[in-house]
Amino acid sequence: MKIFQSTFKWFDDRLALSRLYDHTIGHQIPFSASSWWYVFGSATLACLAIQLITGTCLALVYVPSPEYAYASIEYLDYEQMFGWYLRALHFWGSNFMVALVTIHMIQVFLFGAYKYPRELTWVVGSGLFLCVILMAFTGQSMRFDQDGYWGLEIVMSILGRFPLIGEEATHLVQGGPIIGAATLSRFFTVHVFVVPAVIISLLVIHIRLILLMGISEYPEAGKKLDPETYKDEYEDLVKKTGIRLMPEGGGKDLVFTAMIFFAIVLCAALIGPKIPNGPADPTLIHTVPRPDFYFLSLFAVFALMPPYMESFAIVYLLPLSIVILFAVPFISRGRERHWSKRPGAVITVMLVMTSLVILAWEGITSPWSPHMNAWSGVPIQPEFVVGRSPLEHVGATVVQGKQCRNCHSIAGKGGKRGPDLSGVANRLNYNQLVRQVLQGDGNMPAFGRHLGPHEVTALVSFLHTLHPENEPPSADSAPEYAPPLATDPY
């Protein structure tokens, strides 16, 4: 014991361990704050630790490229020893983390703990909430299955609707005109490096604000908050009833955190990881993607919303809701903290949560597949189909049905990710068009495995008509016009 005491004293003299303890987990908190209602923040922190550990292990195997991302997930699931369980821990840790941080924010809102002098604590916490959501979305996208791919497509469609910055924002996020290797590399970087760094930075600030302003005491009905006297009253309360955060005040936190950890381990063992929904295929437009549970509500909103309301909701309502989230402490400035005296807060929480649950159910059951009406729903202009042959009309249908317009515009109308097709016949001859469609090139993926010979023939026949009237289409130096595909090119 003497050796232990002398060793501790040696380190304490040099590292100030006692003072560090007194000013962190040993600081005084109101006795009323040692409640089961106050355990969600610490449990969220434990989930973050699980995510960082399991995510680091997964990053050692995962390959952030369109060719190998899905294959690396399958390798983890079926070949790597306990790889499936590692993925399951990461997946369920993410689910519990999103749920817990949401419950924590609801508790803080209902208890009025965001009011003076803790406004900045709420603002930083809101930033942490959005970072957790961003972490969950980038993680879902990195599976690069049908769910992840179409989730990316939908987000790109959302970004593309913002006026003035839409096109630049889409190219910035994608790393190019289409979702490809650069996109996945950027999302991997954001998921593994950028967002965790921001979360840790905000978490340090969040904890520092909690230590400075103290943990909010349990609210009392009828006791109003007076900014002029609150700090003195809080210090008196801590002096009279204060206990140390650890070990006296943290018992319930430790018990609840252990329960959450056990639940994650159990769910990972009994249910397993999220099974990928097939490799990403941009031509399977009739797929039925389903995001992870925390995005089901937003998924259902865009699935069920009338098309004419989509742009308004994306450009105005979605950013406004984020602004309101951060502005809560500056909007709700009443002096009452107890929920029984704030019926508006209770009704708001009930309406929001009921809407989210109903929409999440609709997101599970709605028979919806992405149409991308913002771009690919734009009809081909009449001047590009009038006078065309039946085969070329079929090609125009392929352009629409296979969502070529999602990346390409025709005479300026349509997607901006790839070059405009209105003059493509002047840039590429017939055989070059066939090769471009089948094999891809540059940022364009290969569609040879996803289109039949008759579809390729019709598509290229139509594309070969897209040239100015006073300019002939590009042609080979050998045969002027290559015959249509008659056999299976594979």
Protein backbone atom coordinates (compact mmCIF):
# COMPACT_ATOMS: atom_id res chain seq x y z
CA MET A 1 0.00 0.00 0.00
CA LYS A 2 2.83 2.41 0.80
CA ILE A 3 4.42 1.68 -2.58
CA PHE A 4 1.11 2.36 -4.30
CA GLN A 5 0.61 5.62 -2.37
CA SER A 6 4.12 6.84 -3.08
CA THR A 7 3.80 5.93 -6.77
CA PHE A 8 0.48 7.76 -7.03
CA LYS A 9 1.93 10.79 -5.24
CA TRP A 10 4.87 10.84 -7.66
CA PHE A 11 2.55 10.91 -10.67
CA ASP A 12 0.11 13.28 -8.95
CA ASP A 13 2.86 15.82 -8.31
CA ARG A 14 3.78 15.82 -11.98
CA LEU A 15 0.40 15.32 -13.71
CA ALA A 16 -1.95 16.96 -11.19
CA LEU A 17 -4.21 13.91 -11.25
CA SER A 18 -6.14 14.93 -8.13
CA ARG A 19 -6.94 18.37 -9.51
CA LEU A 20 -7.83 16.84 -12.88
CA TYR A 21 -10.27 14.48 -11.14
CA ASP A 22 -11.79 17.29 -9.05
CA HIS A 23 -12.44 19.41 -12.12
CA THR A 24 -13.82 16.62 -14.35
CA ILE A 25 -15.64 13.47 -13.25
CA GLY A 26 -15.16 14.41 -9.60
CA HIS A 27 -16.91 17.79 -9.87
CA GLN A 28 -19.99 18.51 -7.79
CA ILE A 29 -23.46 18.14 -9.29
CA PRO A 30 -26.93 18.67 -7.78
CA PHE A 31 -28.26 15.56 -6.08
CA SER A 32 -31.41 15.73 -8.25
CA ALA A 33 -29.24 15.32 -11.36
CA SER A 34 -28.45 11.76 -10.28
CA SER A 35 -31.56 10.50 -12.03
CA TRP A 36 -32.45 7.87 -14.61
CA TRP A 37 -33.51 10.74 -16.89
CA TYR A 38 -29.88 11.92 -17.07
CA VAL A 39 -28.24 8.71 -18.30
CA PHE A 40 -28.69 9.07 -22.06
CA GLY A 41 -25.72 11.35 -22.70
CA SER A 42 -23.17 9.03 -21.09
CA ALA A 43 -24.67 6.00 -22.89
CA THR A 44 -24.30 7.85 -26.20
CA LEU A 45 -20.65 8.47 -25.36
CA ALA A 46 -20.19 4.72 -24.77
CA CYS A 47 -21.74 3.99 -28.18
CA LEU A 48 -19.28 6.42 -29.76
CA ALA A 49 -16.41 4.46 -28.20
CA ILE A 50 -17.82 1.23 -29.67
CA GLN A 51 -18.10 2.88 -33.09
CA LEU A 52 -14.53 4.17 -33.03
CA ILE A 53 -13.09 0.78 -32.04
CA THR A 54 -15.13 -1.36 -34.44
CA GLY A 55 -14.83 1.21 -37.24
CA THR A 56 -11.04 1.18 -36.97
CA CYS A 57 -11.05 -2.61 -37.30
CA LEU A 58 -13.42 -2.54 -40.28
CA ALA A 59 -11.31 0.08 -42.05
CA LEU A 60 -8.43 -2.39 -42.11
CA VAL A 61 -10.42 -4.64 -44.46
CA TYR A 62 -12.82 -2.33 -46.29
CA VAL A 63 -11.79 -1.18 -49.78
CA PRO A 64 -13.33 2.20 -50.75
CA SER A 65 -13.81 1.62 -54.47
CA PRO A 66 -16.90 0.80 -56.55
CA GLU A 67 -15.30 -2.44 -57.75
CA TYR A 68 -14.34 -3.82 -54.34
CA ALA A 69 -16.51 -2.07 -51.72
CA TYR A 70 -19.37 -4.57 -51.94
CA ALA A 71 -16.92 -7.47 -52.28
CA SER A 72 -15.07 -6.40 -49.13
CA ILE A 73 -18.38 -6.36 -47.22
CA GLU A 74 -19.09 -9.90 -48.41
CA TYR A 75 -15.57 -10.92 -47.46
CA LEU A 76 -16.18 -9.65 -43.93
CA ASP A 77 -19.53 -11.42 -43.74
CA TYR A 78 -18.49 -14.83 -45.09
CA GLU A 79 -14.71 -15.25 -45.01
CA GLN A 80 -13.06 -13.09 -42.37
CA MET A 81 -13.21 -14.76 -38.96
CA PHE A 82 -15.83 -12.94 -36.85
CA GLY A 83 -16.03 -10.28 -39.56
CA TRP A 84 -19.81 -10.54 -39.62
CA TYR A 85 -19.93 -9.98 -35.87
CA LEU A 86 -17.66 -6.95 -36.12
CA ARG A 87 -19.96 -5.49 -38.76
CA ALA A 88 -22.96 -6.31 -36.59
CA LEU A 89 -21.47 -4.51 -33.59
CA HIS A 90 -20.75 -1.47 -35.74
CA PHE A 91 -24.23 -1.51 -37.28
CA TRP A 92 -26.13 -1.89 -34.02
CA GLY A 93 -23.83 0.57 -32.28
CA SER A 94 -24.81 3.10 -34.92
CA ASN A 95 -28.52 2.37 -34.46
CA PHE A 96 -28.35 2.71 -30.68
CA MET A 97 -26.20 5.82 -30.91
CA VAL A 98 -28.69 7.64 -33.15
CA ALA A 99 -31.61 6.56 -30.94
CA LEU A 100 -29.87 7.59 -27.71
CA VAL A 101 -28.70 10.98 -28.94
CA THR A 102 -32.27 11.67 -30.11
CA ILE A 103 -33.73 10.68 -26.73
CA HIS A 104 -31.08 12.77 -24.99
CA MET A 105 -32.05 15.87 -26.98
CA ILE A 106 -35.74 15.27 -26.26
CA GLN A 107 -34.99 14.97 -22.54
CA VAL A 108 -32.95 18.18 -22.56
CA PHE A 109 -35.74 19.95 -24.45
CA LEU A 110 -38.52 18.78 -22.13
CA PHE A 111 -36.49 19.59 -19.01
CA GLY A 112 -35.72 23.08 -20.32
CA ALA A 113 -32.01 22.38 -19.80
CA TYR A 114 -31.19 24.40 -22.92
CA LYS A 115 -32.20 27.66 -21.24
CA TYR A 116 -29.94 30.17 -19.53
CA PRO A 117 -27.03 29.75 -19.03
CA ARG A 118 -26.73 26.64 -21.22
CA GLU A 119 -27.71 27.97 -24.65
CA LEU A 120 -24.32 27.21 -26.17
CA THR A 121 -24.40 23.71 -24.72
CA TRP A 122 -27.56 23.07 -26.76
CA VAL A 123 -26.06 24.63 -29.90
CA VAL A 124 -22.95 22.42 -29.68
CA GLY A 125 -25.14 19.42 -28.88
CA SER A 126 -27.22 20.11 -31.99
CA GLY A 127 -24.02 20.12 -34.02
CA LEU A 128 -23.13 16.76 -32.49
CA PHE A 129 -26.58 15.42 -33.38
CA LEU A 130 -26.15 16.40 -37.05
CA CYS A 131 -22.66 14.90 -37.10
CA VAL A 132 -24.03 11.60 -35.78
CA ILE A 133 -26.67 11.63 -38.54
CA LEU A 134 -23.99 12.41 -41.13
CA MET A 135 -21.84 9.60 -39.76
CA ALA A 136 -24.78 7.19 -40.08
CA PHE A 137 -25.52 8.27 -43.67
CA THR A 138 -21.92 8.02 -44.86
CA GLY A 139 -21.67 4.60 -43.22
CA GLN A 140 -24.79 3.40 -45.02
CA SER A 141 -23.43 4.70 -48.33
CA MET A 142 -20.12 2.88 -47.92
CA ARG A 143 -21.85 -0.49 -48.19
CA PHE A 144 -22.36 0.53 -51.84
CA ASP A 145 -25.27 -1.84 -52.25
CA GLN A 146 -28.55 -0.86 -53.88
CA ASP A 147 -29.71 0.91 -50.71
CA GLY A 148 -26.46 2.83 -50.36
CA TYR A 149 -26.19 3.70 -54.05
CA TRP A 150 -29.73 5.00 -54.44
CA GLY A 151 -29.41 6.84 -51.15
CA LEU A 152 -26.48 8.67 -52.70
CA GLU A 153 -28.46 9.30 -55.88
CA ILE A 154 -31.32 10.80 -53.90
CA VAL A 155 -28.98 13.06 -51.92
CA MET A 156 -27.33 14.19 -55.15
CA SER A 157 -30.78 14.92 -56.56
CA ILE A 158 -31.55 16.96 -53.43
CA LEU A 159 -28.31 18.95 -53.73
CA GLY A 160 -28.96 19.57 -57.40
CA ARG A 161 -32.18 21.43 -56.63
CA PHE A 162 -30.57 24.25 -54.70
CA PRO A 163 -30.43 27.37 -56.89
CA LEU A 164 -27.06 28.85 -57.89
CA ILE A 165 -24.95 26.31 -55.95
CA GLY A 166 -26.74 23.05 -56.87
CA GLU A 167 -24.50 21.96 -59.72
CA GLU A 168 -21.26 22.92 -57.98
CA ALA A 169 -22.34 21.27 -54.72
CA THR A 170 -23.21 18.06 -56.55
CA HIS A 171 -19.84 17.92 -58.29
CA LEU A 172 -18.04 18.75 -55.04
CA VAL A 173 -19.72 15.95 -53.08
CA GLN A 174 -19.46 13.41 -55.91
CA GLY A 175 -15.93 14.32 -56.87
CA GLY A 176 -17.02 14.35 -60.51
CA PRO A 177 -20.07 14.22 -62.76
CA ILE A 178 -21.28 10.79 -61.59
CA ILE A 179 -21.25 8.61 -58.49
CA GLY A 180 -18.07 6.61 -58.80
CA ALA A 181 -14.65 5.95 -57.30
CA ALA A 182 -14.09 9.58 -56.28
CA THR A 183 -17.47 9.67 -54.52
CA LEU A 184 -16.80 6.56 -52.47
CA SER A 185 -13.28 7.74 -51.63
CA ARG A 186 -14.62 11.06 -50.39
CA PHE A 187 -17.35 9.44 -48.31
CA PHE A 188 -14.78 7.05 -46.81
CA THR A 189 -12.57 10.00 -45.87
CA VAL A 190 -15.50 11.89 -44.37
CA HIS A 191 -16.76 8.84 -42.47
CA VAL A 192 -13.41 7.67 -41.11
CA PHE A 193 -11.49 10.92 -40.60
CA VAL A 194 -13.49 14.14 -40.95
CA VAL A 195 -16.71 13.45 -39.03
CA PRO A 196 -15.04 11.59 -36.13
CA ALA A 197 -12.57 14.46 -35.76
CA VAL A 198 -15.42 16.99 -35.72
CA ILE A 199 -17.41 14.86 -33.26
CA ILE A 200 -14.46 14.57 -30.87
CA SER A 201 -13.77 18.32 -31.13
CA LEU A 202 -17.40 19.25 -30.48
CA LEU A 203 -17.59 16.68 -27.70
CA VAL A 204 -14.63 18.29 -25.92
CA ILE A 205 -16.35 21.69 -26.20
CA HIS A 206 -19.68 20.17 -25.08
CA ILE A 207 -18.15 18.58 -21.99
CA ARG A 208 -16.22 21.76 -21.22
CA LEU A 209 -19.46 23.77 -21.31
CA ILE A 210 -21.12 21.22 -19.01
CA LEU A 211 -18.24 21.54 -16.55
CA LEU A 212 -18.40 25.34 -16.69
CA MET A 213 -22.17 25.72 -16.42
CA GLY A 214 -22.88 22.59 -14.42
CA ILE A 215 -25.38 19.82 -15.03
CA SER A 216 -28.91 21.18 -15.00
CA GLU A 217 -30.83 20.32 -11.85
CA TYR A 218 -34.10 18.40 -12.03
CA PRO A 219 -36.80 20.97 -12.90
CA GLU A 220 -39.50 21.85 -10.38
CA ALA A 221 -43.04 22.79 -11.44
CA GLY A 222 -43.75 26.45 -10.76
CA LYS A 223 -40.13 27.38 -10.07
CA LYS A 224 -39.20 29.96 -12.66
CA LEU A 225 -35.72 30.65 -13.92
CA ASP A 226 -34.36 34.13 -13.18
CA PRO A 227 -31.15 34.91 -15.13
CA GLU A 228 -30.23 37.54 -12.54
CA THR A 229 -30.10 35.11 -9.63
CA TYR A 230 -29.83 31.66 -11.21
CA LYS A 231 -26.07 31.20 -10.92
CA ASP A 232 -26.04 32.07 -7.22
CA GLU A 233 -29.02 29.78 -6.59
CA TYR A 234 -27.32 26.95 -8.48
CA GLU A 235 -24.10 27.32 -6.46
CA ASP A 236 -26.08 27.30 -3.21
CA LEU A 237 -27.94 24.19 -4.35
CA VAL A 238 -24.68 22.41 -5.14
CA LYS A 239 -23.21 23.38 -1.78
CA LYS A 240 -26.24 22.04 0.09
CA THR A 241 -27.06 18.88 -1.86
CA GLY A 242 -24.08 18.42 -4.17
CA ILE A 243 -22.46 15.05 -4.78
CA ARG A 244 -19.52 14.06 -6.94
CA LEU A 245 -20.33 12.97 -10.48
CA MET A 246 -18.19 9.90 -9.92
CA PRO A 247 -18.61 7.71 -8.00
CA GLU A 248 -21.71 8.91 -6.12
CA GLY A 249 -23.67 10.43 -8.99
CA GLY A 250 -22.68 8.11 -11.78
CA GLY A 251 -24.06 4.80 -10.58
CA LYS A 252 -27.19 4.94 -12.72
CA ASP A 253 -25.10 6.01 -15.74
CA LEU A 254 -22.85 2.99 -15.35
CA VAL A 255 -25.80 0.60 -14.97
CA PHE A 256 -27.63 2.01 -17.99
CA THR A 257 -24.46 2.06 -20.10
CA ALA A 258 -23.83 -1.58 -19.23
CA MET A 259 -27.41 -2.41 -20.27
CA ILE A 260 -26.94 -0.64 -23.61
CA PHE A 261 -23.64 -2.42 -24.19
CA PHE A 262 -25.26 -5.77 -23.45
CA ALA A 263 -28.16 -4.94 -25.79
CA ILE A 264 -25.74 -4.08 -28.64
CA VAL A 265 -23.77 -7.29 -28.11
CA LEU A 266 -26.98 -9.32 -27.97
CA CYS A 267 -28.51 -7.76 -31.09
CA ALA A 268 -25.24 -8.27 -32.96
CA ALA A 269 -25.16 -11.94 -31.98
CA LEU A 270 -28.85 -12.78 -32.52
CA ILE A 271 -29.79 -10.53 -35.47
CA GLY A 272 -26.43 -9.95 -37.10
CA PRO A 273 -25.28 -7.16 -39.43
CA LYS A 274 -27.23 -5.32 -42.10
CA ILE A 275 -27.37 -7.63 -45.11
CA PRO A 276 -26.34 -5.72 -48.27
CA ASN A 277 -29.14 -5.34 -50.82
CA GLY A 278 -27.18 -6.52 -53.87
CA PRO A 279 -24.29 -4.68 -55.55
CA ALA A 280 -24.90 -1.14 -56.76
CA ASP A 281 -26.46 -1.09 -60.23
CA PRO A 282 -27.47 2.30 -61.69
CA THR A 283 -29.68 0.68 -64.36
CA LEU A 284 -31.97 -1.13 -61.92
CA ILE A 285 -34.26 1.84 -61.51
CA HIS A 286 -37.17 -0.32 -60.37
CA THR A 287 -35.32 -1.48 -57.30
CA VAL A 288 -36.93 -0.76 -53.94
CA PRO A 289 -34.23 0.82 -51.77
CA ARG A 290 -34.73 1.06 -48.03
CA PRO A 291 -32.43 3.21 -45.88
CA ASP A 292 -31.51 2.42 -42.30
CA PHE A 293 -34.18 3.20 -39.73
CA TYR A 294 -33.00 6.74 -38.90
CA PHE A 295 -33.65 7.85 -42.50
CA LEU A 296 -36.93 6.02 -43.09
CA SER A 297 -39.00 9.07 -42.15
CA LEU A 298 -37.20 11.36 -44.59
CA PHE A 299 -37.36 8.61 -47.20
CA ALA A 300 -41.15 8.38 -46.78
CA VAL A 301 -41.58 12.15 -46.98
CA PHE A 302 -39.96 12.33 -50.40
CA ALA A 303 -41.66 9.13 -51.52
CA LEU A 304 -45.17 10.32 -50.65
CA MET A 305 -44.81 14.04 -51.30
CA PRO A 306 -46.40 15.39 -54.50
CA PRO A 307 -43.67 16.17 -57.05
CA TYR A 308 -44.55 19.85 -57.21
CA MET A 309 -43.76 20.22 -53.48
CA GLU A 310 -40.37 18.48 -53.52
CA SER A 311 -38.20 21.44 -54.54
CA PHE A 312 -39.92 23.76 -52.04
CA ALA A 313 -39.47 21.27 -49.20
CA ILE A 314 -35.83 20.62 -50.07
CA VAL A 315 -34.72 24.18 -50.70
CA TYR A 316 -36.68 25.91 -47.93
CA LEU A 317 -38.26 23.58 -45.34
CA LEU A 318 -35.29 21.27 -44.77
CA PRO A 319 -32.74 24.07 -44.12
CA LEU A 320 -35.34 25.94 -42.05
CA SER A 321 -35.85 22.95 -39.77
CA ILE A 322 -32.08 22.79 -39.14
CA VAL A 323 -31.97 26.50 -38.35
CA ILE A 324 -34.88 26.12 -35.92
CA LEU A 325 -33.07 23.24 -34.18
CA PHE A 326 -30.06 25.45 -33.45
CA ALA A 327 -32.25 28.46 -32.56
CA VAL A 328 -34.38 26.69 -29.92
CA PRO A 329 -32.66 28.42 -26.94
CA PHE A 330 -33.17 31.82 -28.55
CA ILE A 331 -36.79 31.18 -29.55
CA SER A 332 -38.05 29.53 -26.36
CA ARG A 333 -36.91 32.04 -23.75
CA GLY A 334 -39.63 31.52 -21.16
CA ARG A 335 -38.62 31.18 -17.52
CA GLU A 336 -40.56 27.99 -16.82
CA ARG A 337 -38.58 24.76 -17.18
CA HIS A 338 -40.88 21.97 -16.00
CA TRP A 339 -42.69 20.17 -18.82
CA SER A 340 -46.03 20.25 -17.01
CA LYS A 341 -45.96 24.04 -17.26
CA ARG A 342 -44.86 24.01 -20.89
CA PRO A 343 -47.66 22.27 -22.81
CA GLY A 344 -46.36 23.67 -26.10
CA ALA A 345 -43.07 21.79 -25.69
CA VAL A 346 -44.86 18.54 -24.81
CA ILE A 347 -47.23 18.86 -27.79
CA THR A 348 -44.31 19.66 -30.11
CA VAL A 349 -42.41 16.54 -29.02
CA MET A 350 -45.52 14.37 -29.32
CA LEU A 351 -46.35 15.66 -32.80
CA VAL A 352 -42.79 15.33 -34.07
CA MET A 353 -42.24 11.84 -32.67
CA THR A 354 -45.67 10.59 -33.80
CA SER A 355 -45.03 11.93 -37.29
CA LEU A 356 -41.59 10.31 -37.40
CA VAL A 357 -42.95 6.93 -36.28
CA ILE A 358 -45.81 7.00 -38.81
CA LEU A 359 -43.50 8.11 -41.60
CA ALA A 360 -40.96 5.45 -40.65
CA TRP A 361 -43.70 2.83 -40.95
CA GLU A 362 -44.66 4.25 -44.33
CA GLY A 363 -40.98 4.15 -45.29
CA ILE A 364 -40.93 0.42 -44.56
CA THR A 365 -44.14 -0.42 -46.38
CA SER A 366 -44.36 2.13 -49.21
CA PRO A 367 -43.91 0.48 -52.65
CA TRP A 368 -41.65 3.23 -53.92
CA SER A 369 -38.58 3.29 -56.11
CA PRO A 370 -36.57 6.40 -57.04
CA HIS A 371 -37.75 8.24 -60.13
CA MET A 372 -35.40 11.23 -59.89
CA ASN A 373 -38.08 13.49 -61.34
CA ALA A 374 -35.84 16.49 -60.83
CA TRP A 375 -33.74 15.44 -63.84
CA SER A 376 -34.53 12.16 -65.53
CA GLY A 377 -38.27 12.84 -65.48
CA VAL A 378 -37.75 15.69 -67.94
CA PRO A 379 -39.28 14.53 -71.27
CA ILE A 380 -37.21 14.52 -74.42
CA GLN A 381 -38.01 17.61 -76.45
CA PRO A 382 -40.28 17.00 -79.50
CA GLU A 383 -37.69 18.18 -82.02
CA PHE A 384 -35.45 15.25 -81.06
CA VAL A 385 -38.09 12.56 -81.67
CA VAL A 386 -40.14 13.96 -84.57
CA GLY A 387 -39.34 12.14 -87.82
CA ARG A 388 -37.32 9.40 -86.16
CA SER A 389 -37.69 5.75 -87.12
CA PRO A 390 -39.45 3.24 -84.83
CA LEU A 391 -36.05 1.87 -83.79
CA GLU A 392 -34.86 5.35 -82.87
CA HIS A 393 -38.07 5.95 -80.92
CA VAL A 394 -37.28 2.81 -78.93
CA GLY A 395 -33.81 4.26 -78.30
CA ALA A 396 -35.38 7.46 -76.95
CA THR A 397 -37.46 5.30 -74.62
CA VAL A 398 -34.28 3.58 -73.42
CA VAL A 399 -32.75 6.98 -72.69
CA GLN A 400 -35.72 7.79 -70.45
CA GLY A 401 -36.29 4.34 -68.98
CA LYS A 402 -32.66 3.69 -68.01
CA GLN A 403 -32.30 7.14 -66.48
CA CYS A 404 -29.64 8.41 -68.86
CA ARG A 405 -31.15 11.85 -68.21
CA ASN A 406 -30.11 11.58 -64.59
CA CYS A 407 -26.55 12.35 -65.73
CA HIS A 408 -26.99 13.79 -69.23
CA SER A 409 -29.01 16.72 -70.47
CA ILE A 410 -30.41 17.17 -73.98
CA ALA A 411 -30.26 20.76 -75.19
CA GLY A 412 -29.65 21.92 -71.64
CA LYS A 413 -32.57 20.08 -70.03
CA GLY A 414 -31.68 17.23 -67.69
CA GLY A 415 -28.75 16.20 -65.51
CA LYS A 416 -25.49 18.13 -65.43
CA ARG A 417 -23.16 15.31 -64.42
CA GLY A 418 -22.22 14.23 -67.94
CA PRO A 419 -21.88 16.02 -71.27
CA ASP A 420 -24.95 17.28 -73.13
CA LEU A 421 -26.21 14.67 -75.61
CA SER A 422 -27.73 17.06 -78.14
CA GLY A 423 -24.50 17.02 -80.18
CA VAL A 424 -23.10 13.64 -79.22
CA ALA A 425 -23.25 12.33 -82.82
CA ASN A 426 -20.73 15.02 -83.82
CA ARG A 427 -18.30 13.92 -81.13
CA LEU A 428 -18.56 10.13 -81.48
CA ASN A 429 -19.29 7.95 -84.47
CA TYR A 430 -21.63 4.96 -84.35
CA ASN A 431 -19.02 2.41 -83.27
CA GLN A 432 -17.58 4.76 -80.69
CA LEU A 433 -21.06 5.24 -79.26
CA VAL A 434 -21.49 1.48 -79.01
CA ARG A 435 -18.16 1.12 -77.26
CA GLN A 436 -18.94 4.02 -74.90
CA VAL A 437 -22.24 2.45 -73.86
CA LEU A 438 -20.89 -1.07 -73.47
CA GLN A 439 -17.50 -0.38 -71.90
CA GLY A 440 -17.85 3.08 -70.40
CA ASP A 441 -15.04 5.57 -70.30
CA GLY A 442 -13.77 8.21 -67.93
CA ASN A 443 -16.53 8.97 -65.43
CA MET A 444 -19.18 6.96 -67.29
CA PRO A 445 -19.77 3.43 -65.96
CA ALA A 446 -20.00 0.45 -68.32
CA PHE A 447 -23.58 -0.61 -69.14
CA GLY A 448 -22.67 -3.70 -71.18
CA ARG A 449 -23.92 -6.05 -68.49
CA HIS A 450 -27.14 -4.17 -67.91
CA LEU A 451 -28.46 -3.60 -71.44
CA GLY A 452 -29.48 -6.22 -73.96
CA PRO A 453 -28.22 -6.12 -77.58
CA HIS A 454 -31.55 -4.80 -78.87
CA GLU A 455 -31.50 -2.00 -76.27
CA VAL A 456 -27.93 -1.04 -77.20
CA THR A 457 -28.84 -1.01 -80.90
CA ALA A 458 -31.90 1.17 -80.33
CA LEU A 459 -30.10 3.50 -77.92
CA VAL A 460 -27.10 4.08 -80.20
CA SER A 461 -29.37 4.50 -83.23
CA PHE A 462 -31.19 7.30 -81.42
CA LEU A 463 -27.99 8.91 -80.11
CA HIS A 464 -26.58 8.88 -83.65
CA THR A 465 -29.40 11.23 -84.71
CA LEU A 466 -28.48 13.87 -82.12
CA HIS A 467 -26.57 16.41 -84.16
CA PRO A 468 -27.31 19.86 -85.63
CA GLU A 469 -29.39 19.79 -88.84
CA ASN A 470 -26.68 21.50 -90.87
CA GLU A 471 -23.91 19.15 -89.69
CA PRO A 472 -23.64 15.45 -90.57
CA PRO A 473 -22.91 12.93 -87.82
CA SER A 474 -19.39 11.73 -87.23
CA ALA A 475 -18.48 8.66 -89.31
CA ASP A 476 -15.72 6.06 -89.56
CA SER A 477 -13.13 6.35 -92.28
CA ALA A 478 -13.85 2.74 -93.34
CA PRO A 479 -17.56 1.89 -93.56
CA GLU A 480 -19.52 5.10 -93.39
CA TYR A 481 -22.13 3.63 -91.15
CA ALA A 482 -21.67 0.52 -89.01
CA PRO A 483 -24.49 -2.03 -89.14
CA PRO A 484 -26.68 -2.49 -86.09
CA LEU A 485 -25.69 -5.05 -83.50
CA ALA A 486 -27.04 -8.42 -84.63
CA THR A 487 -25.48 -10.74 -82.08
CA ASP A 488 -24.92 -10.78 -78.39
CA PRO A 489 -21.72 -8.73 -77.82
CA TYR A 490 -20.85 -10.74 -74.77
